C-alpha atoms as a PDB file:
ATOM      1  CA  UNK A   1       0.000   0.000   0.000  1.00  0.00           C
ATOM      2  CA  UNK A   2       2.837   2.374   0.843  1.00  0.00           C
ATOM      3  CA  UNK A   3       4.487   1.711  -2.523  1.00  0.00           C
ATOM      4  CA  UNK A   4       1.233   2.662  -4.259  1.00  0.00           C
ATOM      5  CA  UNK A   5       1.127   6.013  -2.453  1.00  0.00           C
ATOM      6  CA  UNK A   6       4.777   6.741  -3.265  1.00  0.00           C
ATOM      7  CA  UNK A   7       4.203   5.775  -6.901  1.00  0.00           C
ATOM      8  CA  UNK A   8       1.150   8.013  -7.129  1.00  0.00           C
ATOM      9  CA  UNK A   9       3.054  10.953  -5.645  1.00  0.00           C
ATOM     10  CA  UNK A  10       5.917  10.413  -8.098  1.00  0.00           C
ATOM     11  CA  UNK A  11       3.517  10.339 -11.062  1.00  0.00           C
ATOM     12  CA  UNK A  12       1.845  13.568  -9.953  1.00  0.00           C
ATOM     13  CA  UNK A  13       5.220  15.210  -9.355  1.00  0.00           C
ATOM     14  CA  UNK A  14       6.442  14.109 -12.789  1.00  0.00           C
ATOM     15  CA  UNK A  15       3.348  15.492 -14.528  1.00  0.00           C
ATOM     16  CA  UNK A  16       3.740  18.765 -12.650  1.00  0.00           C
ATOM     17  CA  UNK A  17       7.398  19.044 -13.728  1.00  0.00           C
ATOM     18  CA  UNK A  18       6.429  18.303 -17.331  1.00  0.00           C
ATOM     19  CA  UNK A  19       3.809  21.064 -17.200  1.00  0.00           C
ATOM     20  CA  UNK A  20       6.314  23.548 -15.752  1.00  0.00           C
ATOM     21  CA  UNK A  21       8.965  22.768 -18.349  1.00  0.00           C
ATOM     22  CA  UNK A  22       6.484  23.371 -21.176  1.00  0.00           C
ATOM     23  CA  UNK A  23       5.007  26.493 -19.569  1.00  0.00           C
ATOM     24  CA  UNK A  24       8.354  28.176 -19.034  1.00  0.00           C
ATOM     25  CA  UNK A  25       9.917  27.077 -22.321  1.00  0.00           C
ATOM     26  CA  UNK A  26      11.676  30.078 -23.820  1.00  0.00           C
ATOM     27  CA  UNK A  27      11.364  30.495 -27.576  1.00  0.00           C
ATOM     28  CA  UNK A  28      14.546  30.097 -29.615  1.00  0.00           C
ATOM     29  CA  UNK A  29      16.018  33.427 -30.728  1.00  0.00           C
ATOM     30  CA  UNK A  30      16.676  33.416 -34.452  1.00  0.00           C
ATOM     31  CA  UNK A  31      17.405  35.922 -37.187  1.00  0.00           C
ATOM     32  CA  UNK A  32      14.554  36.336 -39.618  1.00  0.00           C
ATOM     33  CA  UNK A  33      16.837  35.115 -42.419  1.00  0.00           C
ATOM     34  CA  UNK A  34      17.310  31.818 -40.527  1.00  0.00           C
ATOM     35  CA  UNK A  35      13.627  30.816 -40.598  1.00  0.00           C
ATOM     36  CA  UNK A  36      13.390  27.674 -42.727  1.00  0.00           C
ATOM     37  CA  UNK A  37      11.878  24.176 -42.794  1.00  0.00           C
ATOM     38  CA  UNK A  38      14.264  23.020 -40.051  1.00  0.00           C
ATOM     39  CA  UNK A  39      12.402  25.273 -37.582  1.00  0.00           C
ATOM     40  CA  UNK A  40       8.957  23.887 -38.483  1.00  0.00           C
ATOM     41  CA  UNK A  41       6.946  23.425 -35.268  1.00  0.00           C
ATOM     42  CA  UNK A  42       9.434  25.367 -33.123  1.00  0.00           C
ATOM     43  CA  UNK A  43       8.645  28.366 -30.957  1.00  0.00           C
ATOM     44  CA  UNK A  44      10.875  31.241 -32.023  1.00  0.00           C
ATOM     45  CA  UNK A  45      11.598  34.879 -31.215  1.00  0.00           C
ATOM     46  CA  UNK A  46      12.657  37.332 -33.936  1.00  0.00           C
ATOM     47  CA  UNK A  47      13.216  41.069 -34.032  1.00  0.00           C
ATOM     48  CA  UNK A  48      12.847  43.332 -37.016  1.00  0.00           C
ATOM     49  CA  UNK A  49      11.194  46.321 -38.621  1.00  0.00           C
ATOM     50  CA  UNK A  50       7.636  45.973 -39.903  1.00  0.00           C
ATOM     51  CA  UNK A  51       7.524  46.567 -43.659  1.00  0.00           C
ATOM     52  CA  UNK A  52       3.807  45.886 -44.217  1.00  0.00           C
ATOM     53  CA  UNK A  53       0.610  45.010 -42.360  1.00  0.00           C
ATOM     54  CA  UNK A  54      -2.374  43.499 -44.159  1.00  0.00           C
ATOM     55  CA  UNK A  55      -5.452  43.889 -41.959  1.00  0.00           C
ATOM     56  CA  UNK A  56      -7.983  41.242 -42.893  1.00  0.00           C
ATOM     57  CA  UNK A  57     -11.266  40.700 -41.103  1.00  0.00           C
ATOM     58  CA  UNK A  58     -10.106  38.119 -38.558  1.00  0.00           C
ATOM     59  CA  UNK A  59      -6.312  38.200 -38.879  1.00  0.00           C
ATOM     60  CA  UNK A  60      -3.408  40.560 -39.405  1.00  0.00           C
ATOM     61  CA  UNK A  61      -0.577  39.520 -41.711  1.00  0.00           C
ATOM     62  CA  UNK A  62       2.667  41.217 -40.770  1.00  0.00           C
ATOM     63  CA  UNK A  63       5.749  41.327 -42.957  1.00  0.00           C
ATOM     64  CA  UNK A  64       9.176  42.028 -41.482  1.00  0.00           C
ATOM     65  CA  UNK A  65      12.095  43.436 -43.470  1.00  0.00           C
ATOM     66  CA  UNK A  66      14.623  40.791 -44.438  1.00  0.00           C
ATOM     67  CA  UNK A  67      12.587  37.794 -45.578  1.00  0.00           C
ATOM     68  CA  UNK A  68       9.388  37.079 -47.470  1.00  0.00           C
ATOM     69  CA  UNK A  69       7.504  35.255 -44.725  1.00  0.00           C
ATOM     70  CA  UNK A  70       4.120  36.019 -43.196  1.00  0.00           C
ATOM     71  CA  UNK A  71       3.671  36.574 -39.473  1.00  0.00           C
ATOM     72  CA  UNK A  72       0.013  35.812 -38.772  1.00  0.00           C
ATOM     73  CA  UNK A  73      -1.626  37.505 -35.784  1.00  0.00           C
ATOM     74  CA  UNK A  74      -5.162  36.869 -34.522  1.00  0.00           C
ATOM     75  CA  UNK A  75      -5.425  39.860 -32.155  1.00  0.00           C
ATOM     76  CA  UNK A  76      -5.500  43.658 -32.273  1.00  0.00           C
ATOM     77  CA  UNK A  77      -2.299  45.503 -33.129  1.00  0.00           C
ATOM     78  CA  UNK A  78      -2.458  48.383 -30.666  1.00  0.00           C
ATOM     79  CA  UNK A  79       0.237  50.948 -31.518  1.00  0.00           C
ATOM     80  CA  UNK A  80       2.007  48.542 -33.894  1.00  0.00           C
ATOM     81  CA  UNK A  81       2.620  50.230 -37.252  1.00  0.00           C
ATOM     82  CA  UNK A  82       4.765  49.943 -40.344  1.00  0.00           C
ATOM     83  CA  UNK A  83       8.304  51.146 -39.753  1.00  0.00           C
ATOM     84  CA  UNK A  84       8.282  50.127 -36.057  1.00  0.00           C
ATOM     85  CA  UNK A  85      10.919  47.764 -34.685  1.00  0.00           C
ATOM     86  CA  UNK A  86       9.286  44.827 -32.899  1.00  0.00           C
ATOM     87  CA  UNK A  87      10.059  41.561 -31.173  1.00  0.00           C
ATOM     88  CA  UNK A  88       7.776  38.697 -32.157  1.00  0.00           C
ATOM     89  CA  UNK A  89       7.227  35.340 -30.440  1.00  0.00           C
ATOM     90  CA  UNK A  90       5.484  32.637 -32.412  1.00  0.00           C
ATOM     91  CA  UNK A  91       5.435  29.139 -33.819  1.00  0.00           C
ATOM     92  CA  UNK A  92       6.748  28.235 -37.262  1.00  0.00           C
ATOM     93  CA  UNK A  93       3.951  26.578 -39.245  1.00  0.00           C
ATOM     94  CA  UNK A  94       3.003  25.932 -42.856  1.00  0.00           C
ATOM     95  CA  UNK A  95      -0.045  27.206 -44.704  1.00  0.00           C
ATOM     96  CA  UNK A  96      -0.697  25.966 -48.227  1.00  0.00           C
ATOM     97  CA  UNK A  97       2.912  24.775 -48.402  1.00  0.00           C
ATOM     98  CA  UNK A  98       4.477  28.097 -47.375  1.00  0.00           C
ATOM     99  CA  UNK A  99       6.194  28.773 -44.064  1.00  0.00           C
ATOM    100  CA  UNK A 100       4.578  31.282 -41.761  1.00  0.00           C
ATOM    101  CA  UNK A 101       4.875  32.244 -38.122  1.00  0.00           C
ATOM    102  CA  UNK A 102       1.716  32.155 -36.013  1.00  0.00           C
ATOM    103  CA  UNK A 103       2.305  35.007 -33.582  1.00  0.00           C
ATOM    104  CA  UNK A 104       1.811  34.468 -29.845  1.00  0.00           C
ATOM    105  CA  UNK A 105       3.022  37.918 -28.844  1.00  0.00           C
ATOM    106  CA  UNK A 106       4.426  41.116 -30.297  1.00  0.00           C
ATOM    107  CA  UNK A 107       6.194  43.977 -28.511  1.00  0.00           C
ATOM    108  CA  UNK A 108       7.867  47.271 -29.405  1.00  0.00           C
ATOM    109  CA  UNK A 109      11.653  47.333 -29.317  1.00  0.00           C
ATOM    110  CA  UNK A 110      13.452  50.614 -28.690  1.00  0.00           C
END
């Protein structure tokens, strides 16, 4: 009976540690020119200057100087404009065969 309790505690502790490691996982810092198929599925962080924003009904498509890749954002872009330097966190995905970054967060960089 005691072994069962210890085993149960170890399982719960292991699941908790797994949750923490995923929750606090820092995105990999990369240069925008380094985004390629090898990063597919990875969480990344890039910095750059916004060259264009296409505001569609439910999404914003952001382009950053340096590479022809879409950064797709599903939220409002308060005070984020073309020509601003930003830091973007997101996951590298594919849409219709093309790489894109689904943005988790975007911040101004001074």
